[in-house]
């Protein structure tokens, strides 16, 4: 994977090439190019926060991530928490750590999820439809031996 640093100090990685048009996701100081949706529109902005050790499971191990997604998921439907979990699994987690955060189509037991500071189970759980500027927080309550 080739990478370079742009003028703003972001490290750029060319993961997908769509010819003259590129869409990017920003992860703190890392930019990853997004899969181009059939409409080419990228405008769902979310804040993802990983705390309690869950940030150590990520390719870019920092707590706060500002991301931009297409208005709809790859199936053309509105983004739900379930589709976001799968997106995180495919794009943000280290391969050997996927099962430490995402288990099946949900989060592993011991991971608390908050949507805009409210428990996700009070917000319709996996079926919650994400809205622009939502903040999704993952809090690990799992403790154990350091690896």
Foldseek 3Di string as FASTA:
>chain_A
DDWDADPVRAIEDADDDDDPDWAWWWFPSYIDTDDQAPVNDKAAWEKEAEDQCRLVQWPRSDGIGITIGHCPANVRHFDFQLSVLVVCLVPIGDVVCNLVADDDSRGDPQKFKDKQNHGCVVQVHRGRGDGHHIYIYIHGRDDDDDD
